[in-house]
Amino acid sequence: MNTISDTEIRMKGVEALVDALGEVQAERFVSLMLREPFDYTTWQRQLWTEVGVEELSERAMSAVEQSPAKPR
């Protein structure tokens, strides 16, 4: 695994948000994250409590198969 700089992580994160949400909604997401206290670890632990690992994996693979390939 290559280590990348904090700046590169931020740039890739913003690119991912814009790709997924569009510019306006990505900006809105960042604003929401900055506005209220947020514990990512707690949120992540509570996110998929009703879904098992196998089902979550199947959903992820299905989403990958259905999404158009994006050139990088």
Protein backbone atom coordinates (compact mmCIF):
# COMPACT_ATOMS: atom_id res chain seq x y z
CA MET A 1 0.00 0.00 0.00
CA ASN A 2 1.42 3.35 -1.04
CA THR A 3 1.23 6.19 1.42
CA ILE A 4 -0.22 9.36 -0.05
CA SER A 5 -0.11 12.85 1.37
CA ASP A 6 -2.96 14.48 3.29
CA THR A 7 -3.46 16.85 0.35
CA GLU A 8 -3.85 13.92 -2.07
CA ILE A 9 -6.36 12.26 0.27
CA ARG A 10 -8.39 15.48 0.43
CA MET A 11 -8.31 15.87 -3.35
CA LYS A 12 -9.36 12.27 -3.98
CA GLY A 13 -12.09 12.58 -1.34
CA VAL A 14 -13.51 15.70 -2.93
CA GLU A 15 -13.33 14.07 -6.38
CA ALA A 16 -15.21 11.04 -5.04
CA LEU A 17 -17.88 13.24 -3.46
CA VAL A 18 -18.33 15.27 -6.63
CA ASP A 19 -18.46 12.10 -8.76
CA ALA A 20 -21.07 10.55 -6.46
CA LEU A 21 -23.17 13.60 -5.60
CA GLY A 22 -22.40 16.37 -8.06
CA GLU A 23 -20.77 19.66 -7.12
CA VAL A 24 -23.69 21.26 -5.29
CA GLN A 25 -24.60 18.22 -3.18
CA ALA A 26 -20.92 17.51 -2.43
CA GLU A 27 -20.57 21.06 -1.13
CA ARG A 28 -23.73 20.56 0.92
CA PHE A 29 -22.33 17.30 2.37
CA VAL A 30 -19.10 19.00 3.45
CA SER A 31 -21.10 21.82 5.02
CA LEU A 32 -23.25 19.33 6.95
CA MET A 33 -20.15 17.50 8.20
CA LEU A 34 -18.57 20.72 9.44
CA ARG A 35 -21.75 22.06 11.03
CA GLU A 36 -22.48 19.29 13.51
CA PRO A 37 -20.37 16.99 15.67
CA PHE A 38 -19.86 13.70 13.89
CA ASP A 39 -18.16 10.50 15.03
CA TYR A 40 -17.49 8.49 11.88
CA THR A 41 -16.58 5.32 13.80
CA THR A 42 -19.83 5.29 15.78
CA TRP A 43 -21.85 6.10 12.66
CA GLN A 44 -20.15 3.30 10.67
CA ARG A 45 -20.80 0.75 13.43
CA GLN A 46 -24.51 1.63 13.42
CA LEU A 47 -24.90 1.91 9.64
CA TRP A 48 -25.40 -1.73 8.63
CA THR A 49 -26.57 -3.41 11.85
CA GLU A 50 -29.50 -5.15 10.11
CA VAL A 51 -27.39 -6.49 7.23
CA GLY A 52 -24.94 -9.37 7.46
CA VAL A 53 -21.48 -9.26 5.92
CA GLU A 54 -22.40 -11.62 3.07
CA GLU A 55 -25.49 -9.63 2.09
CA LEU A 56 -23.57 -6.36 2.28
CA SER A 57 -20.87 -7.85 0.04
CA GLU A 58 -23.50 -9.03 -2.45
CA ARG A 59 -25.07 -5.56 -2.52
CA ALA A 60 -21.69 -3.94 -3.08
CA MET A 61 -20.76 -6.33 -5.89
CA SER A 62 -24.15 -5.78 -7.52
CA ALA A 63 -23.71 -2.01 -7.36
CA VAL A 64 -20.25 -2.29 -8.92
CA GLU A 65 -21.57 -4.48 -11.72
CA GLN A 66 -24.46 -2.08 -12.45
CA SER A 67 -22.44 1.14 -12.39
CA PRO A 68 -20.75 2.36 -15.55
CA ALA A 69 -16.97 2.11 -15.49
CA LYS A 70 -15.30 5.44 -14.84
CA PRO A 71 -11.97 6.14 -16.51
CA ARG A 72 -9.14 6.96 -14.11
